[in-house]
Amino acid sequence: MLSSPADMEVARRAAERGPAPERSRPAPAPSAGLRRAAALALAFLAFFAMSDFGLPLRPEFGAYAALLLLAWCGARPWRELWALPYTRLLAAFVAFLVLHAAYASTIEPRSSYSEQLTVAAKLVKLGVFSCVVGWWLSLMPKAPPRLLALMVLGLLVAVLGYMPWQELPRLFDGSLRPRFGLPENLSGLLAAVGGWLALCLLVGAWRLAPKNPHLRLGLLAAGLVLYGGAFMVLLFSQSRGAWLAFALAVPSMLLAFAAVRRRHSRLPWVPLVAAFATTVLLAVSAHEILAQRFAGVDRLLGSVEAVVGAAPERTPSADADARASDRADRTRGTASGTKAPAPRRFASEASGAAPEAELLDASTAPNKAASVRLRLYEHGLGLARERPWFGWGLDTLPRLVAPLDLGGERHAHLHNAYLDALVGIGAVGALLLAGLFLLLAGELVQAARARVITVGSFWALAGALGIVLIANLFDSLLWRFDYTRAPLELLFGCCIAYGLIRRRRRAGTDALSAAPRS
């Protein structure tokens, strides 16, 4: 059949252009060997995330191994991660920290640029390792619950190793505060997160188990052991900030979970009632700890009112004179090579008035901790007012806090992670950091709306993040230690993983269909 002149012209132009290029195909998924190696690295990170067994077993070694394994995956991980708003904002935050370290080293001559960068690198690690963990978890959709269970199991193994078994009576009456290889407040935060995750795993195992009464009872017993152990560590830590975070987050998350699940099926009342009975039993057995830590609150409030009424009025001119005198003293000390005197930040100190900590120390020891925090918060707000936009530098903060007279105690931070960030990197850096948290929360919420994540897993992650955010109102535990960053790397990584899975499904290039199920 003869072609028309128009068809012949089209064929001629097509021949001149050459063969049509093939459609670009998505990069292949990593091999089974790489996925197994990454799973082992993440398991190492999870098991040692809530413990401190020394240098060879640092949890972030697992994160480093997972990062190295990305080198064999080509450009695909970086291309997918860069598509996330979180990663692009993280790149801007890292650039800000690099420039801010140079700025902070000019403010505090005793702190070099490398020292400022060393402290800033802790925040960078938290962000980068979260991305690495998230990308690997996006290829292993069944791994997050298992890794969360490994976190709780690792915490209990560490407790068994560090538990002073011969001093158990002193633990229950509150006269001994164990460390479990970690600072007390940190062990309380980790135990609160571990207790909530154990409760979620208990509910999930009860619902997913087959209708076998023996298997269900076995899972119930194992879950209660994990939950009871974590809750007992929470009590022994004597950390009121962790107690408050647990008491606020757990009931609210359970109520929200109940409101959502009521539309679909009945609630698993058996594990919830069993967990509640375990909580009451342990709290009653350790009631002396609770009584001791909350004793004398009325005296604390009365002391605060007395201090406020007895303190001299602070005028702006007096505060400015004290700060100018402090800066002049530091300048003279730096120029002469002598040690600069302790900074005087407030007019009451410049005028010779007794510090608030000494007046509040008349009450009980638990109240002393609260009074010290009030003093630190006041000091931090004064520092933030002096340099509101870019702060003093993360490495400069301990030097500003250490000279404070707090009834014989010395602190390296302000016992509030958000105030530490505001004073250390200023309002600009704090807003960037808050934006990263909001983007992660947004990824989790959007994944739940797209049904990429189950309802139970969503509330498990939301509750764990809520406990961390509440507890850091009373302490600085976001980036200071690797065993506080490691649990957050896994929690943040889960949010990133679900965000990546949601985008792949929306684009029709879900790598899970090409890769074997984990």
Protein backbone atom coordinates (compact mmCIF):
# COMPACT_ATOMS: atom_id res chain seq x y z
CA MET A 1 0.00 0.00 0.00
CA LEU A 2 1.46 3.36 -1.02
CA SER A 3 1.89 6.04 1.63
CA SER A 4 0.65 9.56 1.22
CA PRO A 5 3.15 12.41 0.78
CA ALA A 6 2.40 13.56 4.35
CA ASP A 7 3.23 10.13 5.77
CA MET A 8 6.45 10.01 3.74
CA GLU A 9 7.47 13.40 5.13
CA VAL A 10 6.85 12.26 8.70
CA ALA A 11 8.88 9.11 8.11
CA ARG A 12 11.74 11.15 6.64
CA ARG A 13 11.89 13.48 9.63
CA ALA A 14 11.78 10.53 12.03
CA ALA A 15 14.71 8.91 10.18
CA GLU A 16 16.70 12.14 10.49
CA ARG A 17 16.07 12.31 14.24
CA GLY A 18 17.20 8.73 14.76
CA PRO A 19 15.68 6.10 17.03
CA ALA A 20 13.57 7.37 19.92
CA PRO A 21 15.38 7.26 23.27
CA GLU A 22 14.26 4.62 25.72
CA ARG A 23 12.29 5.71 28.77
CA SER A 24 14.46 6.08 31.84
CA ARG A 25 13.95 3.26 34.23
CA PRO A 26 14.25 3.59 37.98
CA ALA A 27 17.55 2.45 39.42
CA PRO A 28 17.47 -1.15 40.61
CA ALA A 29 17.00 -1.86 44.28
CA PRO A 30 20.08 -2.82 46.34
CA SER A 31 21.05 -6.44 46.28
CA ALA A 32 19.89 -8.90 48.92
CA GLY A 33 23.39 -8.94 50.42
CA LEU A 34 23.43 -5.17 50.88
CA ARG A 35 19.99 -5.22 52.46
CA ARG A 36 21.02 -7.93 54.90
CA ALA A 37 24.18 -6.02 55.84
CA ALA A 38 22.14 -2.84 56.34
CA ALA A 39 19.61 -4.75 58.47
CA LEU A 40 22.45 -5.99 60.70
CA ALA A 41 23.85 -2.47 61.02
CA LEU A 42 20.45 -1.09 62.01
CA ALA A 43 19.93 -3.97 64.46
CA PHE A 44 23.27 -3.07 66.11
CA LEU A 45 22.18 0.56 66.30
CA ALA A 46 18.82 -0.37 67.82
CA PHE A 47 20.07 -2.88 70.40
CA PHE A 48 22.70 -0.51 71.83
CA ALA A 49 20.66 2.67 71.30
CA MET A 50 19.55 2.90 74.95
CA SER A 51 22.67 1.64 76.69
CA ASP A 52 26.30 2.55 77.25
CA PHE A 53 28.57 -0.49 77.23
CA GLY A 54 31.73 1.39 76.34
CA LEU A 55 33.54 2.49 73.20
CA PRO A 56 33.49 -0.79 71.18
CA LEU A 57 29.68 -0.97 71.44
CA ARG A 58 28.75 2.63 70.72
CA PRO A 59 25.38 2.60 68.96
CA GLU A 60 26.35 5.03 66.23
CA PHE A 61 28.87 2.56 64.84
CA GLY A 62 25.81 0.88 63.31
CA ALA A 63 24.77 4.18 61.75
CA TYR A 64 28.26 4.68 60.33
CA ALA A 65 28.13 1.19 58.79
CA ALA A 66 24.73 1.92 57.22
CA LEU A 67 26.16 5.15 55.80
CA LEU A 68 29.11 3.33 54.24
CA LEU A 69 26.79 0.77 52.66
CA LEU A 70 25.06 3.57 50.76
CA ALA A 71 28.24 3.96 48.69
CA TRP A 72 27.31 0.71 46.83
CA CYS A 73 23.79 1.94 46.04
CA GLY A 74 24.73 4.59 43.49
CA ALA A 75 23.00 7.94 43.27
CA ARG A 76 19.50 6.67 43.95
CA PRO A 77 19.50 7.12 47.78
CA TRP A 78 20.78 10.68 47.55
CA ARG A 79 18.35 11.58 44.77
CA GLU A 80 15.37 10.23 46.70
CA LEU A 81 16.46 11.82 49.95
CA TRP A 82 17.05 15.19 48.30
CA ALA A 83 13.45 15.19 47.11
CA LEU A 84 12.32 15.44 50.75
CA PRO A 85 11.77 18.97 52.13
CA TYR A 86 13.38 17.78 55.38
CA THR A 87 16.68 16.98 53.65
CA ARG A 88 16.85 20.31 51.84
CA LEU A 89 16.17 22.20 55.07
CA LEU A 90 18.77 20.02 56.80
CA ALA A 91 21.36 21.08 54.19
CA ALA A 92 20.54 24.74 54.91
CA PHE A 93 20.82 24.08 58.66
CA VAL A 94 24.23 22.42 58.24
CA ALA A 95 25.48 25.39 56.22
CA PHE A 96 24.17 27.70 58.95
CA LEU A 97 26.01 25.72 61.64
CA VAL A 98 29.30 25.92 59.71
CA LEU A 99 29.02 29.69 59.37
CA HIS A 100 27.73 30.08 62.89
CA ALA A 101 30.75 28.26 64.32
CA ALA A 102 33.01 30.90 62.75
CA TYR A 103 30.80 33.65 64.18
CA ALA A 104 30.77 32.09 67.67
CA SER A 105 34.56 31.71 67.72
CA THR A 106 34.89 35.49 67.33
CA ILE A 107 32.55 36.10 70.27
CA GLU A 108 34.36 33.72 72.61
CA PRO A 109 38.14 33.81 71.91
CA ARG A 110 38.73 30.91 74.31
CA SER A 111 36.69 28.63 72.05
CA SER A 112 38.28 27.93 68.67
CA TYR A 113 36.49 27.37 65.39
CA SER A 114 37.22 23.64 65.52
CA GLU A 115 35.77 23.37 69.03
CA GLN A 116 32.59 25.12 67.94
CA LEU A 117 32.34 22.81 64.92
CA THR A 118 32.86 19.73 67.12
CA VAL A 119 29.78 20.54 69.18
CA ALA A 120 27.76 21.54 66.12
CA ALA A 121 28.67 18.20 64.51
CA LYS A 122 26.49 16.43 67.09
CA LEU A 123 23.40 18.08 65.62
CA VAL A 124 24.64 17.31 62.11
CA LYS A 125 25.06 13.63 63.00
CA LEU A 126 21.51 13.45 64.29
CA GLY A 127 20.12 14.83 61.05
CA VAL A 128 22.34 12.90 58.62
CA PHE A 129 22.05 9.53 60.36
CA SER A 130 18.28 9.94 60.51
CA CYS A 131 18.27 10.23 56.71
CA VAL A 132 20.51 7.16 56.33
CA VAL A 133 18.37 5.06 58.66
CA GLY A 134 15.20 6.29 56.97
CA TRP A 135 16.29 5.33 53.48
CA TRP A 136 17.25 1.79 54.48
CA LEU A 137 14.03 1.36 56.45
CA SER A 138 12.04 2.45 53.40
CA LEU A 139 13.20 -0.81 51.76
CA MET A 140 12.30 -2.86 54.84
CA PRO A 141 8.70 -1.97 55.79
CA LYS A 142 8.47 -4.73 58.41
CA ALA A 143 11.68 -3.71 60.17
CA PRO A 144 10.56 -0.68 62.29
CA PRO A 145 8.53 -2.65 64.91
CA ARG A 146 11.36 -5.16 65.24
CA LEU A 147 13.94 -2.43 65.71
CA LEU A 148 11.78 -0.72 68.33
CA ALA A 149 11.52 -4.05 70.18
CA LEU A 150 15.33 -4.38 70.00
CA MET A 151 15.66 -0.93 71.56
CA VAL A 152 13.57 -1.96 74.57
CA LEU A 153 15.37 -5.30 74.86
CA GLY A 154 18.77 -3.60 74.78
CA LEU A 155 17.69 -1.22 77.54
CA LEU A 156 16.61 -4.10 79.78
CA VAL A 157 19.84 -6.03 79.11
CA ALA A 158 21.81 -2.97 80.19
CA VAL A 159 19.66 -2.65 83.32
CA LEU A 160 20.29 -6.29 84.21
CA GLY A 161 24.01 -5.71 83.82
CA TYR A 162 24.16 -2.50 85.87
CA MET A 163 21.48 -3.27 88.47
CA PRO A 164 22.85 -3.22 92.05
CA TRP A 165 21.04 -6.41 93.05
CA GLN A 166 22.26 -6.37 96.64
CA GLU A 167 20.88 -2.85 97.14
CA LEU A 168 17.30 -3.46 95.99
CA PRO A 169 15.73 -2.34 99.32
CA ARG A 170 17.53 0.99 99.03
CA LEU A 171 16.27 1.35 95.47
CA PHE A 172 12.65 0.94 96.52
CA ASP A 173 12.87 3.34 99.46
CA GLY A 174 14.57 6.00 97.32
CA SER A 175 17.82 6.23 99.26
CA LEU A 176 19.85 4.97 96.28
CA ARG A 177 19.55 6.41 92.79
CA PRO A 178 21.14 4.00 90.30
CA ARG A 179 22.78 5.18 87.10
CA PHE A 180 22.50 2.01 84.96
CA GLY A 181 25.63 3.20 83.18
CA LEU A 182 23.95 6.49 82.20
CA PRO A 183 23.14 9.84 83.85
CA GLU A 184 20.02 9.56 85.98
CA ASN A 185 17.86 11.92 83.95
CA LEU A 186 18.91 10.24 80.74
CA SER A 187 18.03 6.78 82.05
CA GLY A 188 14.61 8.16 82.99
CA LEU A 189 13.98 9.50 79.49
CA LEU A 190 15.08 6.27 77.83
CA ALA A 191 12.98 4.21 80.24
CA ALA A 192 9.92 6.37 79.52
CA VAL A 193 10.37 5.90 75.76
CA GLY A 194 11.05 2.18 76.26
CA GLY A 195 7.98 1.74 78.44
CA TRP A 196 5.70 3.36 75.87
CA LEU A 197 7.17 1.33 73.01
CA ALA A 198 6.85 -1.87 75.04
CA LEU A 199 3.19 -1.06 75.71
CA CYS A 200 2.56 -0.47 71.98
CA LEU A 201 4.32 -3.73 71.08
CA LEU A 202 2.25 -5.53 73.69
CA VAL A 203 -1.00 -4.24 72.18
CA GLY A 204 0.17 -4.95 68.64
CA ALA A 205 1.28 -8.50 69.40
CA TRP A 206 -2.04 -9.21 71.13
CA ARG A 207 -4.03 -8.04 68.12
CA LEU A 208 -1.90 -9.77 65.49
CA ALA A 209 -1.47 -13.08 67.26
CA PRO A 210 -3.62 -15.96 65.98
CA LYS A 211 -6.53 -17.08 68.08
CA ASN A 212 -4.37 -19.40 70.13
CA PRO A 213 -4.83 -18.87 73.88
CA HIS A 214 -1.43 -20.33 74.78
CA LEU A 215 0.42 -18.14 72.27
CA ARG A 216 -1.50 -15.07 73.35
CA LEU A 217 -0.72 -15.69 77.01
CA GLY A 218 2.95 -16.16 76.15
CA LEU A 219 3.06 -12.91 74.21
CA LEU A 220 1.20 -11.15 77.01
CA ALA A 221 3.70 -12.38 79.60
CA ALA A 222 6.70 -11.39 77.45
CA GLY A 223 5.25 -7.95 76.74
CA LEU A 224 4.47 -7.33 80.40
CA VAL A 225 8.05 -8.23 81.34
CA LEU A 226 9.37 -5.65 78.88
CA TYR A 227 6.90 -3.01 80.00
CA GLY A 228 7.32 -3.73 83.72
CA GLY A 229 11.11 -3.63 83.45
CA ALA A 230 11.10 -0.30 81.62
CA PHE A 231 8.59 1.22 84.05
CA MET A 232 10.63 0.04 87.04
CA VAL A 233 13.73 1.72 85.59
CA LEU A 234 11.63 4.87 85.11
CA LEU A 235 10.73 4.82 88.81
CA PHE A 236 14.28 4.10 89.96
CA SER A 237 15.67 6.95 87.85
CA GLN A 238 13.83 9.42 90.13
CA SER A 239 13.60 11.82 87.17
CA ARG A 240 10.51 13.96 87.65
CA GLY A 241 10.81 15.34 84.14
CA ALA A 242 10.67 11.84 82.67
CA TRP A 243 7.77 10.95 84.99
CA LEU A 244 5.83 13.99 83.83
CA ALA A 245 6.54 13.26 80.16
CA PHE A 246 5.35 9.67 80.57
CA ALA A 247 2.27 10.70 82.56
CA LEU A 248 1.24 13.29 79.97
CA ALA A 249 2.06 11.44 76.75
CA VAL A 250 0.83 7.92 77.49
CA PRO A 251 -2.79 8.64 78.54
CA SER A 252 -3.28 11.22 75.76
CA MET A 253 -1.93 8.85 73.11
CA LEU A 254 -4.04 5.97 74.38
CA LEU A 255 -7.18 8.11 74.34
CA ALA A 256 -6.45 9.25 70.80
CA PHE A 257 -5.75 5.66 69.75
CA ALA A 258 -9.02 4.54 71.35
CA ALA A 259 -10.96 7.27 69.54
CA VAL A 260 -9.56 6.14 66.19
CA ARG A 261 -9.84 2.39 66.72
CA ARG A 262 -13.43 2.59 67.96
CA ARG A 263 -14.53 3.24 64.39
CA HIS A 264 -13.05 -0.03 63.12
CA SER A 265 -12.88 -2.68 65.84
CA ARG A 266 -12.94 -3.27 69.55
CA LEU A 267 -10.04 -2.15 71.71
CA PRO A 268 -7.61 -4.77 73.06
CA TRP A 269 -8.68 -4.35 76.68
CA VAL A 270 -6.80 -7.37 78.05
CA PRO A 271 -3.23 -6.08 77.45
CA LEU A 272 -4.21 -2.54 78.43
CA VAL A 273 -5.74 -3.66 81.72
CA ALA A 274 -2.76 -5.91 82.41
CA ALA A 275 -0.35 -3.02 81.76
CA PHE A 276 -2.40 -0.72 84.00
CA ALA A 277 -2.36 -3.29 86.82
CA THR A 278 1.41 -3.67 86.44
CA THR A 279 1.82 0.11 86.60
CA VAL A 280 -0.24 0.40 89.79
CA LEU A 281 1.55 -2.53 91.44
CA LEU A 282 5.03 -1.12 90.73
CA ALA A 283 4.03 2.41 91.72
CA VAL A 284 2.62 1.21 95.05
CA SER A 285 5.70 -0.89 95.75
CA ALA A 286 7.91 2.17 95.12
CA HIS A 287 5.63 4.71 96.75
CA GLU A 288 8.46 5.97 98.98
CA ILE A 289 10.34 7.16 95.89
CA LEU A 290 7.32 9.14 94.72
CA ALA A 291 6.73 10.60 98.17
CA GLN A 292 10.36 11.63 98.53
CA ARG A 293 10.66 13.25 95.10
CA PHE A 294 7.44 15.26 95.50
CA ALA A 295 7.89 16.15 99.18
CA GLY A 296 7.95 19.79 100.16
CA VAL A 297 6.39 21.31 97.07
CA ASP A 298 4.52 23.80 99.26
CA ARG A 299 7.82 24.87 100.82
CA LEU A 300 9.32 25.31 97.37
CA LEU A 301 6.49 27.58 96.24
CA GLY A 302 6.72 29.58 99.45
CA SER A 303 10.46 29.97 98.99
CA VAL A 304 10.00 31.18 95.44
CA GLU A 305 7.49 33.80 96.60
CA ALA A 306 9.87 34.89 99.34
CA VAL A 307 12.73 35.23 96.88
CA VAL A 308 10.63 37.25 94.45
CA GLY A 309 9.48 39.54 97.24
CA ALA A 310 12.93 39.93 98.80
CA ALA A 311 14.88 40.40 95.59
CA PRO A 312 15.77 44.01 94.77
CA GLU A 313 14.14 45.58 91.76
CA ARG A 314 16.18 45.06 88.61
CA THR A 315 16.32 48.10 86.40
CA PRO A 316 17.46 48.00 82.78
CA SER A 317 20.32 50.38 83.53
CA ALA A 318 21.61 48.16 86.34
CA ASP A 319 21.46 45.07 84.14
CA ALA A 320 23.26 46.93 81.35
CA ASP A 321 25.97 48.12 83.77
CA ALA A 322 26.52 44.58 85.07
CA ARG A 323 26.83 43.16 81.55
CA ALA A 324 29.17 45.94 80.41
CA SER A 325 31.35 45.36 83.46
CA ASP A 326 31.39 41.63 82.77
CA ARG A 327 32.43 42.15 79.14
CA ALA A 328 35.17 44.56 80.20
CA ASP A 329 36.48 42.05 82.77
CA ARG A 330 36.56 39.26 80.18
CA THR A 331 38.35 41.53 77.69
CA ARG A 332 41.02 42.51 80.23
CA GLY A 333 41.49 38.91 81.29
CA THR A 334 41.87 37.70 77.71
CA ALA A 335 44.31 40.47 76.79
CA SER A 336 46.53 39.94 79.83
CA GLY A 337 46.48 36.15 79.57
CA THR A 338 44.95 35.75 83.03
CA LYS A 339 41.82 33.87 83.85
CA ALA A 340 38.73 36.01 83.41
CA PRO A 341 36.47 36.36 86.44
CA ALA A 342 33.14 34.63 86.60
CA PRO A 343 30.53 36.47 84.53
CA ARG A 344 27.98 38.58 86.35
CA ARG A 345 24.78 38.43 84.41
CA PHE A 346 22.22 40.06 86.66
CA ALA A 347 21.84 43.24 88.62
CA SER A 348 21.19 41.33 91.85
CA GLU A 349 24.61 39.69 91.60
CA ALA A 350 26.28 43.01 90.74
CA SER A 351 24.69 44.66 93.76
CA GLY A 352 25.81 41.92 96.14
CA ALA A 353 22.39 40.38 96.71
CA ALA A 354 22.26 36.73 97.68
CA PRO A 355 21.58 34.44 94.70
CA GLU A 356 18.21 32.78 94.54
CA ALA A 357 19.70 29.27 94.71
CA GLU A 358 21.05 29.89 98.21
CA LEU A 359 17.68 31.10 99.46
CA LEU A 360 15.84 28.13 97.93
CA ASP A 361 18.25 25.56 99.29
CA ALA A 362 16.55 25.70 102.68
CA SER A 363 13.97 23.18 101.51
CA THR A 364 14.46 19.53 100.72
CA ALA A 365 16.92 18.07 98.20
CA PRO A 366 14.28 17.49 95.51
CA ASN A 367 13.27 21.12 95.79
CA LYS A 368 16.89 22.14 95.39
CA ALA A 369 16.92 20.58 91.92
CA ALA A 370 13.82 22.56 90.99
CA SER A 371 15.27 25.79 92.37
CA VAL A 372 18.49 25.26 90.42
CA ARG A 373 16.47 24.85 87.24
CA LEU A 374 14.58 28.07 87.90
CA ARG A 375 17.90 29.84 88.34
CA LEU A 376 19.26 28.34 85.12
CA TYR A 377 16.14 29.28 83.16
CA GLU A 378 16.39 32.87 84.36
CA HIS A 379 20.06 32.98 83.45
CA GLY A 380 19.37 31.49 80.01
CA LEU A 381 16.65 34.02 79.24
CA GLY A 382 19.05 36.80 80.15
CA LEU A 383 21.66 35.40 77.80
CA ALA A 384 19.09 35.05 75.01
CA ARG A 385 18.08 38.69 75.40
CA GLU A 386 21.69 39.80 74.99
CA ARG A 387 22.21 38.03 71.65
CA PRO A 388 18.73 37.12 70.39
CA TRP A 389 19.34 36.39 66.70
CA PHE A 390 22.50 34.28 66.48
CA GLY A 391 23.24 33.38 70.09
CA TRP A 392 26.57 32.71 71.74
CA GLY A 393 27.69 29.43 70.18
CA LEU A 394 27.02 25.84 71.21
CA ASP A 395 30.52 25.40 72.65
CA THR A 396 30.33 28.76 74.43
CA LEU A 397 27.24 27.79 76.41
CA PRO A 398 29.01 25.61 79.04
CA ARG A 399 31.48 28.45 79.68
CA LEU A 400 28.61 30.83 80.36
CA VAL A 401 26.79 28.45 82.68
CA ALA A 402 29.69 26.94 84.63
CA PRO A 403 30.59 30.03 86.74
CA LEU A 404 27.08 30.31 88.19
CA ASP A 405 26.87 29.79 91.94
CA LEU A 406 24.15 27.16 92.34
CA GLY A 407 24.62 26.09 95.93
CA GLY A 408 27.85 24.22 95.22
CA GLU A 409 26.62 22.57 92.00
CA ARG A 410 28.11 23.08 88.56
CA HIS A 411 26.20 22.60 85.30
CA ALA A 412 27.21 22.60 81.65
CA HIS A 413 23.79 23.39 80.19
CA LEU A 414 20.51 25.09 81.09
CA HIS A 415 18.46 21.91 81.71
CA ASN A 416 16.17 22.84 78.82
CA ALA A 417 17.12 21.72 75.32
CA TYR A 418 15.06 24.44 73.64
CA LEU A 419 16.58 27.18 75.78
CA ASP A 420 20.02 25.69 75.06
CA ALA A 421 19.31 25.94 71.34
CA LEU A 422 18.02 29.51 71.67
CA VAL A 423 21.10 30.64 73.60
CA GLY A 424 23.54 28.56 71.56
CA ILE A 425 22.43 29.23 67.96
CA GLY A 426 19.99 32.09 68.45
CA ALA A 427 16.46 32.56 67.16
CA VAL A 428 17.52 31.94 63.55
CA GLY A 429 19.09 28.56 64.30
CA ALA A 430 16.31 27.60 66.70
CA LEU A 431 13.68 28.29 64.02
CA LEU A 432 15.58 26.13 61.53
CA LEU A 433 15.77 23.34 64.12
CA ALA A 434 12.05 23.66 64.88
CA GLY A 435 11.33 23.52 61.15
CA LEU A 436 13.12 20.17 60.90
CA PHE A 437 10.96 18.73 63.68
CA LEU A 438 7.79 20.04 62.06
CA LEU A 439 8.70 18.54 58.69
CA LEU A 440 9.31 15.14 60.29
CA ALA A 441 5.96 15.32 62.06
CA GLY A 442 4.35 16.30 58.77
CA GLU A 443 5.84 13.26 57.02
CA LEU A 444 4.40 11.01 59.72
CA VAL A 445 0.93 12.59 59.51
CA GLN A 446 0.82 12.44 55.71
CA ALA A 447 1.93 8.80 55.76
CA ALA A 448 -0.94 8.01 58.14
CA ARG A 449 -3.43 9.79 55.89
CA ALA A 450 -2.15 7.85 52.87
CA ARG A 451 -2.41 4.60 54.89
CA VAL A 452 1.27 3.90 54.42
CA ILE A 453 1.60 3.34 58.17
CA THR A 454 -0.79 1.47 60.44
CA VAL A 455 -2.74 3.30 63.11
CA GLY A 456 -0.87 1.53 65.91
CA SER A 457 2.57 2.31 64.47
CA PHE A 458 1.59 5.94 63.99
CA TRP A 459 0.61 6.41 67.63
CA ALA A 460 3.66 4.46 68.81
CA LEU A 461 6.00 6.86 67.01
CA ALA A 462 3.95 9.91 67.94
CA GLY A 463 3.96 8.94 71.62
CA ALA A 464 7.70 8.28 71.68
CA LEU A 465 8.43 11.64 70.05
CA GLY A 466 6.01 13.34 72.44
CA ILE A 467 7.81 11.89 75.46
CA VAL A 468 11.17 13.10 74.12
CA LEU A 469 9.89 16.61 73.41
CA ILE A 470 8.22 16.97 76.83
CA ALA A 471 11.18 15.59 78.79
CA ASN A 472 13.55 18.04 77.11
CA LEU A 473 11.62 20.89 78.67
CA PHE A 474 13.39 19.93 81.91
CA ASP A 475 16.74 18.69 80.60
CA SER A 476 19.06 18.91 77.60
CA LEU A 477 19.02 15.43 76.07
CA LEU A 478 18.53 15.94 72.33
CA TRP A 479 22.06 15.91 70.94
CA ARG A 480 24.59 15.91 73.79
CA PHE A 481 25.27 12.12 73.93
CA ASP A 482 25.38 9.42 71.29
CA TYR A 483 23.00 7.26 73.35
CA THR A 484 20.42 10.04 73.22
CA ARG A 485 20.91 10.65 69.52
CA ALA A 486 20.69 6.95 68.59
CA PRO A 487 17.03 6.44 69.66
CA LEU A 488 16.08 9.67 67.91
CA GLU A 489 17.89 8.56 64.75
CA LEU A 490 15.66 5.48 64.67
CA LEU A 491 12.46 7.39 65.47
CA PHE A 492 13.21 10.15 62.97
CA GLY A 493 14.36 7.54 60.47
CA CYS A 494 10.96 5.84 60.66
CA CYS A 495 9.26 9.15 59.79
CA ILE A 496 11.58 9.60 56.80
CA ALA A 497 11.08 5.99 55.70
CA TYR A 498 7.31 6.29 55.61
CA GLY A 499 7.63 9.56 53.71
CA LEU A 500 9.81 7.88 51.07
CA ILE A 501 7.41 4.93 50.74
CA ARG A 502 4.48 7.31 50.29
CA ARG A 503 6.27 9.20 47.51
CA ARG A 504 7.26 6.02 45.71
CA ARG A 505 3.72 4.71 45.76
CA ARG A 506 2.36 7.99 44.51
CA ALA A 507 4.89 8.02 41.65
CA GLY A 508 4.32 4.36 40.84
CA THR A 509 8.00 3.49 41.34
CA ASP A 510 7.77 1.66 44.63
CA ALA A 511 11.05 -0.18 45.09
CA LEU A 512 9.37 -2.66 47.43
CA SER A 513 7.71 -4.39 44.47
CA ALA A 514 11.12 -5.08 42.95
CA ALA A 515 12.88 -5.99 46.17
CA PRO A 516 12.18 -9.06 48.27
CA ARG A 517 10.14 -8.45 51.41
CA SER A 518 12.17 -8.03 54.56
